[in-house]
PDB file of N, CA and C in Angstrom:
ATOM      1  N   MET A   1      94.118 119.341  87.263  1.00  0.00           N
ATOM      2  CA  MET A   1      92.492 119.796  85.973  1.00  0.00           C
ATOM      3  C   MET A   1      91.748 120.574  86.884  1.00  0.00           C
ATOM      4  N   THR A   2      91.800 121.500  86.067  1.00  0.00           N
ATOM      5  CA  THR A   2      90.035 122.163  86.801  1.00  0.00           C
ATOM      6  C   THR A   2      88.910 121.092  86.347  1.00  0.00           C
ATOM      7  N   ARG A   3      87.773 121.364  87.024  1.00  0.00           N
ATOM      8  CA  ARG A   3      86.553 120.837  86.429  1.00  0.00           C
ATOM      9  C   ARG A   3      85.947 120.534  85.065  1.00  0.00           C
ATOM     10  N   LEU A   4      85.927 121.930  84.927  1.00  0.00           N
ATOM     11  CA  LEU A   4      85.534 122.312  83.322  1.00  0.00           C
ATOM     12  C   LEU A   4      86.648 122.126  82.554  1.00  0.00           C
ATOM     13  N   THR A   5      87.331 121.515  82.539  1.00  0.00           N
ATOM     14  CA  THR A   5      88.596 121.214  81.810  1.00  0.00           C
ATOM     15  C   THR A   5      88.258 119.947  81.690  1.00  0.00           C
ATOM     16  N   ALA A   6      87.945 119.135  82.481  1.00  0.00           N
ATOM     17  CA  ALA A   6      87.577 117.329  82.930  1.00  0.00           C
ATOM     18  C   ALA A   6      86.295 117.568  82.027  1.00  0.00           C
ATOM     19  N   VAL A   7      85.255 118.273  82.117  1.00  0.00           N
ATOM     20  CA  VAL A   7      83.833 118.295  81.733  1.00  0.00           C
ATOM     21  C   VAL A   7      84.088 118.573  79.567  1.00  0.00           C
ATOM     22  N   TRP A   8      85.013 119.517  79.806  1.00  0.00           N
ATOM     23  CA  TRP A   8      85.030 119.606  78.143  1.00  0.00           C
ATOM     24  C   TRP A   8      85.728 118.299  77.230  1.00  0.00           C
ATOM     25  N   LEU A   9      87.158 117.928  77.777  1.00  0.00           N
ATOM     26  CA  LEU A   9      87.338 116.478  77.675  1.00  0.00           C
ATOM     27  C   LEU A   9      86.834 115.669  77.521  1.00  0.00           C
ATOM     28  N   PHE A  10      85.877 115.241  78.286  1.00  0.00           N
ATOM     29  CA  PHE A  10      84.969 114.306  78.491  1.00  0.00           C
ATOM     30  C   PHE A  10      84.110 114.560  77.475  1.00  0.00           C
ATOM     31  N   GLY A  11      83.598 115.067  77.201  1.00  0.00           N
ATOM     32  CA  GLY A  11      82.764 115.913  76.239  1.00  0.00           C
ATOM     33  C   GLY A  11      82.963 115.683  74.551  1.00  0.00           C
ATOM     34  N   ILE A  12      84.314 115.675  74.733  1.00  0.00           N
ATOM     35  CA  ILE A  12      85.167 115.662  72.923  1.00  0.00           C
ATOM     36  C   ILE A  12      85.804 114.491  72.739  1.00  0.00           C
ATOM     37  N   ALA A  13      85.752 113.886  73.883  1.00  0.00           N
ATOM     38  CA  ALA A  13      85.966 112.379  73.795  1.00  0.00           C
ATOM     39  C   ALA A  13      84.708 111.488  73.573  1.00  0.00           C
ATOM     40  N   ALA A  14      83.608 112.092  73.692  1.00  0.00           N
ATOM     41  CA  ALA A  14      82.136 110.841  74.091  1.00  0.00           C
ATOM     42  C   ALA A  14      82.107 111.689  72.326  1.00  0.00           C
ATOM     43  N   LEU A  15      82.305 112.574  72.108  1.00  0.00           N
ATOM     44  CA  LEU A  15      81.951 113.046  70.295  1.00  0.00           C
ATOM     45  C   LEU A  15      82.268 112.668  69.303  1.00  0.00           C
ATOM     46  N   LEU A  16      84.036 112.275  69.603  1.00  0.00           N
ATOM     47  CA  LEU A  16      84.722 111.380  69.102  1.00  0.00           C
ATOM     48  C   LEU A  16      84.499 110.314  68.546  1.00  0.00           C
ATOM     49  N   THR A  17      84.669 109.512  69.934  1.00  0.00           N
ATOM     50  CA  THR A  17      83.647 108.069  69.659  1.00  0.00           C
ATOM     51  C   THR A  17      82.679 107.846  69.156  1.00  0.00           C
ATOM     52  N   ALA A  18      81.458 108.907  69.512  1.00  0.00           N
ATOM     53  CA  ALA A  18      80.516 108.171  68.769  1.00  0.00           C
ATOM     54  C   ALA A  18      80.332 108.727  67.407  1.00  0.00           C
ATOM     55  N   CYS A  19      81.193 109.335  66.880  1.00  0.00           N
ATOM     56  CA  CYS A  19      81.532 109.431  65.250  1.00  0.00           C
ATOM     57  C   CYS A  19      81.613 108.353  64.241  1.00  0.00           C
ATOM     58  N   GLY A  20      81.803 107.382  64.835  1.00  0.00           N
ATOM     59  CA  GLY A  20      82.707 105.982  64.499  1.00  0.00           C
ATOM     60  C   GLY A  20      81.469 105.423  63.673  1.00  0.00           C
ATOM     61  N   ALA A  21      81.593 104.216  63.094  1.00  0.00           N
ATOM     62  CA  ALA A  21      80.733 103.103  62.621  1.00  0.00           C
ATOM     63  C   ALA A  21      80.287 102.230  63.677  1.00  0.00           C
ATOM     64  N   VAL A  22      79.070 101.836  63.867  1.00  0.00           N
ATOM     65  CA  VAL A  22      78.846 100.744  64.881  1.00  0.00           C
ATOM     66  C   VAL A  22      78.770  99.787  64.524  1.00  0.00           C
ATOM     67  N   GLY A  23      79.309  99.068  65.106  1.00  0.00           N
ATOM     68  CA  GLY A  23      79.074  97.291  64.498  1.00  0.00           C
ATOM     69  C   GLY A  23      80.192  97.065  64.246  1.00  0.00           C
ATOM     70  N   ALA A  24      80.515  95.504  64.320  1.00  0.00           N
ATOM     71  CA  ALA A  24      81.646  95.185  63.146  1.00  0.00           C
ATOM     72  C   ALA A  24      81.845  95.301  61.687  1.00  0.00           C
ATOM     73  N   PRO A  25      83.421  95.666  61.317  1.00  0.00           N
ATOM     74  CA  PRO A  25      83.529  95.708  59.769  1.00  0.00           C
ATOM     75  C   PRO A  25      82.428  94.549  59.032  1.00  0.00           C
ATOM     76  N   ILE A  26      82.461  95.137  57.212  1.00  0.00           N
ATOM     77  CA  ILE A  26      81.512  94.114  57.248  1.00  0.00           C
ATOM     78  C   ILE A  26      83.078  93.915  55.907  1.00  0.00           C
ATOM     79  N   PRO A  27      82.795  92.720  55.478  1.00  0.00           N
ATOM     80  CA  PRO A  27      84.450  92.619  54.319  1.00  0.00           C
ATOM     81  C   PRO A  27      83.576  92.947  52.946  1.00  0.00           C
ATOM     82  N   PRO A  28      84.666  93.227  52.034  1.00  0.00           N
ATOM     83  CA  PRO A  28      84.074  93.879  51.165  1.00  0.00           C
ATOM     84  C   PRO A  28      83.818  92.501  50.241  1.00  0.00           C
ATOM     85  N   GLU A  29      83.838  91.395  50.418  1.00  0.00           N
ATOM     86  CA  GLU A  29      83.560  89.917  49.341  1.00  0.00           C
ATOM     87  C   GLU A  29      81.617  89.913  49.657  1.00  0.00           C
ATOM     88  N   ASP A  30      81.066  90.488  50.880  1.00  0.00           N
ATOM     89  CA  ASP A  30      79.716  91.053  51.055  1.00  0.00           C
ATOM     90  C   ASP A  30      79.125  91.890  50.908  1.00  0.00           C
ATOM     91  N   VAL A  31      79.664  92.970  50.056  1.00  0.00           N
ATOM     92  CA  VAL A  31      79.007  93.764  49.698  1.00  0.00           C
ATOM     93  C   VAL A  31      79.284  94.021  48.405  1.00  0.00           C
ATOM     94  N   GLY A  32      78.062  94.502  47.528  1.00  0.00           N
ATOM     95  CA  GLY A  32      78.073  94.857  45.800  1.00  0.00           C
ATOM     96  C   GLY A  32      77.076  93.978  45.578  1.00  0.00           C
ATOM     97  N   VAL A  33      77.186  93.962  44.474  1.00  0.00           N
ATOM     98  CA  VAL A  33      76.764  93.622  43.163  1.00  0.00           C
ATOM     99  C   VAL A  33      76.508  92.353  42.738  1.00  0.00           C
ATOM    100  N   THR A  34      77.689  91.835  42.876  1.00  0.00           N
ATOM    101  CA  THR A  34      78.171  90.190  42.628  1.00  0.00           C
ATOM    102  C   THR A  34      77.345  89.316  43.709  1.00  0.00           C
ATOM    103  N   PRO A  35      77.822  89.745  45.009  1.00  0.00           N
ATOM    104  CA  PRO A  35      77.089  88.893  46.220  1.00  0.00           C
ATOM    105  C   PRO A  35      75.772  88.754  46.015  1.00  0.00           C
ATOM    106  N   THR A  36      75.020  89.873  45.530  1.00  0.00           N
ATOM    107  CA  THR A  36      73.751  89.924  45.309  1.00  0.00           C
ATOM    108  C   THR A  36      73.143  88.787  44.223  1.00  0.00           C
ATOM    109  N   ILE A  37      73.852  88.772  43.222  1.00  0.00           N
ATOM    110  CA  ILE A  37      73.641  88.177  42.073  1.00  0.00           C
ATOM    111  C   ILE A  37      73.923  86.951  42.559  1.00  0.00           C
ATOM    112  N   THR A  38      75.043  86.048  43.067  1.00  0.00           N
ATOM    113  CA  THR A  38      75.131  85.178  43.705  1.00  0.00           C
ATOM    114  C   THR A  38      73.986  84.279  44.765  1.00  0.00           C
ATOM    115  N   ARG A  39      73.776  85.257  45.496  1.00  0.00           N
ATOM    116  CA  ARG A  39      72.116  84.887  46.410  1.00  0.00           C
ATOM    117  C   ARG A  39      71.246  84.179  45.410  1.00  0.00           C
ATOM    118  N   GLN A  40      70.857  85.172  44.439  1.00  0.00           N
ATOM    119  CA  GLN A  40      69.785  85.790  43.689  1.00  0.00           C
ATOM    120  C   GLN A  40      70.045  83.958  43.018  1.00  0.00           C
ATOM    121  N   LYS A  41      71.030  83.481  42.032  1.00  0.00           N
ATOM    122  CA  LYS A  41      71.238  82.592  41.398  1.00  0.00           C
ATOM    123  C   LYS A  41      71.062  81.521  42.338  1.00  0.00           C
ATOM    124  N   LEU A  42      71.330  81.206  43.702  1.00  0.00           N
ATOM    125  CA  LEU A  42      71.264  80.236  44.530  1.00  0.00           C
ATOM    126  C   LEU A  42      69.548  79.934  44.851  1.00  0.00           C
ATOM    127  N   GLN A  43      69.144  81.269  44.956  1.00  0.00           N
ATOM    128  CA  GLN A  43      67.391  81.598  45.310  1.00  0.00           C
ATOM    129  C   GLN A  43      67.065  80.520  43.964  1.00  0.00           C
ATOM    130  N   HIS A  44      67.214  81.269  42.625  1.00  0.00           N
ATOM    131  CA  HIS A  44      66.309  80.462  41.617  1.00  0.00           C
ATOM    132  C   HIS A  44      66.947  78.885  41.417  1.00  0.00           C
ATOM    133  N   ALA A  45      68.196  78.646  41.859  1.00  0.00           N
ATOM    134  CA  ALA A  45      68.228  76.779  41.760  1.00  0.00           C
ATOM    135  C   ALA A  45      67.491  76.270  42.938  1.00  0.00           C
ATOM    136  N   ARG A  46      66.991  76.935  44.035  1.00  0.00           N
ATOM    137  CA  ARG A  46      66.121  76.062  45.066  1.00  0.00           C
ATOM    138  C   ARG A  46      64.852  75.995  44.564  1.00  0.00           C
ATOM    139  N   GLU A  47      64.465  77.371  43.745  1.00  0.00           N
ATOM    140  CA  GLU A  47      63.349  77.407  43.400  1.00  0.00           C
ATOM    141  C   GLU A  47      62.865  76.371  42.324  1.00  0.00           C
ATOM    142  N   GLU A  48      63.721  76.193  41.426  1.00  0.00           N
ATOM    143  CA  GLU A  48      63.724  75.255  40.206  1.00  0.00           C
ATOM    144  C   GLU A  48      63.858  73.838  40.575  1.00  0.00           C
ATOM    145  N   LYS A  49      64.632  73.539  41.842  1.00  0.00           N
ATOM    146  CA  LYS A  49      64.089  72.303  42.500  1.00  0.00           C
ATOM    147  C   LYS A  49      63.066  71.890  42.952  1.00  0.00           C
ATOM    148  N   LYS A  50      62.544  72.887  43.633  1.00  0.00           N
ATOM    149  CA  LYS A  50      61.282  72.643  44.182  1.00  0.00           C
ATOM    150  C   LYS A  50      60.194  72.053  43.307  1.00  0.00           C
ATOM    151  N   GLU A  51      60.434  73.282  42.014  1.00  0.00           N
ATOM    152  CA  GLU A  51      59.191  73.496  40.859  1.00  0.00           C
ATOM    153  C   GLU A  51      59.394  71.865  40.586  1.00  0.00           C
ATOM    154  N   GLU A  52      60.158  71.046  40.283  1.00  0.00           N
ATOM    155  CA  GLU A  52      60.790  69.807  39.558  1.00  0.00           C
ATOM    156  C   GLU A  52      60.007  69.035  40.647  1.00  0.00           C
ATOM    157  N   ALA A  53      59.969  69.380  42.300  1.00  0.00           N
ATOM    158  CA  ALA A  53      59.490  68.481  43.019  1.00  0.00           C
ATOM    159  C   ALA A  53      58.179  67.648  42.939  1.00  0.00           C
ATOM    160  N   VAL A  54      57.263  68.921  42.375  1.00  0.00           N
ATOM    161  CA  VAL A  54      56.051  68.840  42.020  1.00  0.00           C
ATOM    162  C   VAL A  54      55.710  68.002  41.224  1.00  0.00           C
ATOM    163  N   PRO A  55      54.579  67.103  41.149  1.00  0.00           N
ATOM    164  CA  PRO A  55      54.302  66.089  40.376  1.00  0.00           C
ATOM    165  C   PRO A  55      53.796  67.218  39.097  1.00  0.00           C
ATOM    166  N   ALA A  56      53.513  66.017  37.921  1.00  0.00           N
ATOM    167  CA  ALA A  56      53.005  67.052  36.877  1.00  0.00           C
ATOM    168  C   ALA A  56      51.378  67.380  36.393  1.00  0.00           C
ATOM    169  N   GLU A  57      50.817  66.105  37.849  1.00  0.00           N
ATOM    170  CA  GLU A  57      49.379  66.576  37.409  1.00  0.00           C
ATOM    171  C   GLU A  57      48.943  67.712  37.858  1.00  0.00           C
ATOM    172  N   GLU A  58      49.616  68.174  38.842  1.00  0.00           N
ATOM    173  CA  GLU A  58      49.368  69.486  39.792  1.00  0.00           C
ATOM    174  C   GLU A  58      49.750  70.753  39.015  1.00  0.00           C
ATOM    175  N   ALA A  59      50.848  70.418  38.374  1.00  0.00           N
ATOM    176  CA  ALA A  59      51.445  71.687  37.821  1.00  0.00           C
ATOM    177  C   ALA A  59      50.720  72.026  36.653  1.00  0.00           C
ATOM    178  N   THR A  60      49.930  70.849  35.961  1.00  0.00           N
ATOM    179  CA  THR A  60      49.354  71.575  34.473  1.00  0.00           C
ATOM    180  C   THR A  60      47.797  71.696  35.042  1.00  0.00           C
ATOM    181  N   GLN A  61      47.157  71.174  36.433  1.00  0.00           N
ATOM    182  CA  GLN A  61      46.004  71.829  36.899  1.00  0.00           C
ATOM    183  C   GLN A  61      46.281  73.084  37.155  1.00  0.00           C
ATOM    184  N   ASP A  62      47.249  73.869  37.976  1.00  0.00           N
ATOM    185  CA  ASP A  62      47.458  75.187  37.936  1.00  0.00           C
ATOM    186  C   ASP A  62      47.476  75.949  36.643  1.00  0.00           C
ATOM    187  N   VAL A  63      48.040  75.387  35.656  1.00  0.00           N
ATOM    188  CA  VAL A  63      47.927  76.365  34.557  1.00  0.00           C
ATOM    189  C   VAL A  63      46.989  76.045  33.399  1.00  0.00           C
ATOM    190  N   THR A  64      45.863  75.323  33.394  1.00  0.00           N
ATOM    191  CA  THR A  64      44.440  75.226  32.716  1.00  0.00           C
ATOM    192  C   THR A  64      43.756  75.555  33.150  1.00  0.00           C
ATOM    193  N   GLU A  65      43.777  76.525  33.970  1.00  0.00           N
ATOM    194  CA  GLU A  65      42.488  77.622  34.948  1.00  0.00           C
ATOM    195  C   GLU A  65      41.960  77.955  33.923  1.00  0.00           C
ATOM    196  N   PRO A  66      40.534  78.008  33.798  1.00  0.00           N
ATOM    197  CA  PRO A  66      40.015  78.994  32.568  1.00  0.00           C
ATOM    198  C   PRO A  66      39.843  80.358  32.919  1.00  0.00           C
ATOM    199  N   ALA A  67      40.091  80.982  33.757  1.00  0.00           N
ATOM    200  CA  ALA A  67      40.273  82.067  34.505  1.00  0.00           C
ATOM    201  C   ALA A  67      41.294  82.889  33.889  1.00  0.00           C
ATOM    202  N   LEU A  68      42.331  81.957  34.042  1.00  0.00           N
ATOM    203  CA  LEU A  68      43.865  82.382  33.169  1.00  0.00           C
ATOM    204  C   LEU A  68      43.466  82.246  31.697  1.00  0.00           C
ATOM    205  N   GLN A  69      42.969  81.486  31.015  1.00  0.00           N
ATOM    206  CA  GLN A  69      43.598  81.668  29.747  1.00  0.00           C
ATOM    207  C   GLN A  69      42.900  82.928  28.502  1.00  0.00           C
ATOM    208  N   GLY A  70      43.474  83.049  27.200  1.00  0.00           N
ATOM    209  CA  GLY A  70      42.752  84.194  26.765  1.00  0.00           C
ATOM    210  C   GLY A  70      43.476  85.768  27.254  1.00  0.00           C
ATOM    211  N   GLN A  71      43.082  86.492  26.137  1.00  0.00           N
ATOM    212  CA  GLN A  71      43.297  87.902  26.339  1.00  0.00           C
ATOM    213  C   GLN A  71      42.477  88.775  26.848  1.00  0.00           C
ATOM    214  N   ASP A  72      41.277  88.286  27.117  1.00  0.00           N
ATOM    215  CA  ASP A  72      40.029  88.988  27.747  1.00  0.00           C
ATOM    216  C   ASP A  72      40.494  89.453  29.171  1.00  0.00           C
ATOM    217  N   VAL A  73      41.707  89.336  29.951  1.00  0.00           N
ATOM    218  CA  VAL A  73      41.745  90.108  31.107  1.00  0.00           C
ATOM    219  C   VAL A  73      41.331  91.219  31.737  1.00  0.00           C
ATOM    220  N   GLU A  74      40.698  92.006  32.375  1.00  0.00           N
ATOM    221  CA  GLU A  74      40.892  93.270  32.932  1.00  0.00           C
ATOM    222  C   GLU A  74      41.898  93.790  33.150  1.00  0.00           C
ATOM    223  N   LEU A  75      42.701  94.812  32.868  1.00  0.00           N
ATOM    224  CA  LEU A  75      43.691  95.228  33.862  1.00  0.00           C
ATOM    225  C   LEU A  75      43.546  96.673  34.012  1.00  0.00           C
ATOM    226  N   PRO A  76      43.749  97.089  35.456  1.00  0.00           N
ATOM    227  CA  PRO A  76      43.802  98.258  35.873  1.00  0.00           C
ATOM    228  C   PRO A  76      43.851  99.400  35.195  1.00  0.00           C
ATOM    229  N   PRO A  77      43.786 100.493  34.941  1.00  0.00           N
ATOM    230  CA  PRO A  77      43.928 101.775  34.460  1.00  0.00           C
ATOM    231  C   PRO A  77      45.492 102.066  34.714  1.00  0.00           C
ATOM    232  N   LEU A  78      45.833 102.412  33.721  1.00  0.00           N
ATOM    233  CA  LEU A  78      47.407 103.221  33.775  1.00  0.00           C
ATOM    234  C   LEU A  78      47.340 104.180  34.552  1.00  0.00           C
ATOM    235  N   ARG A  79      46.641 105.665  34.727  1.00  0.00           N
ATOM    236  CA  ARG A  79      46.725 106.059  35.474  1.00  0.00           C
ATOM    237  C   ARG A  79      44.744 106.421  36.122  1.00  0.00           C
ATOM    238  N   PRO A  80      45.051 105.677  37.546  1.00  0.00           N
ATOM    239  CA  PRO A  80      44.267 106.112  38.223  1.00  0.00           C
ATOM    240  C   PRO A  80      43.412 107.728  38.375  1.00  0.00           C
ATOM    241  N   VAL A  81      42.087 107.289  38.121  1.00  0.00           N
ATOM    242  CA  VAL A  81      41.425 108.243  38.791  1.00  0.00           C
ATOM    243  C   VAL A  81      41.651 109.218  40.421  1.00  0.00           C
ATOM    244  N   GLY A  82      41.733 110.524  40.069  1.00  0.00           N
ATOM    245  CA  GLY A  82      41.402 111.146  41.651  1.00  0.00           C
ATOM    246  C   GLY A  82      42.965 110.747  42.313  1.00  0.00           C
ATOM    247  N   THR A  83      44.079 110.319  41.979  1.00  0.00           N
ATOM    248  CA  THR A  83      44.729 110.361  43.151  1.00  0.00           C
ATOM    249  C   THR A  83      46.155 111.143  41.834  1.00  0.00           C
ATOM    250  N   ARG A  84      46.789 111.561  43.045  1.00  0.00           N
ATOM    251  CA  ARG A  84      48.171 112.295  42.577  1.00  0.00           C
ATOM    252  C   ARG A  84      49.276 111.868  42.398  1.00  0.00           C
TER     253      ARG A  84
END
C-alpha cells in the first residue's frame, strides 16, 4: 500500500466516524411530550406542597398589598414606539 492510499483511507475512515451522533443513545421513554408533561406535573405538585407549608398569615399579607389591588394598573404599550 502506498503512502497516499493510506492517507486517503485514514481520511475516509475519519469522516465516516465523524458523521455519527456524539454520546450515548437516549431511550425513547425520555424523549417527547409525555415525559415533559410528567416532569411539569411533579414540579407543580412540589410547588403546591411548598405553598401549603407557608403559614396563612404570610400568604394573606402578600395578597393584600394596596399597590396590587384595583384595575388602575399601568400596563406597557402594546407596540413600543421606536422599535422594529
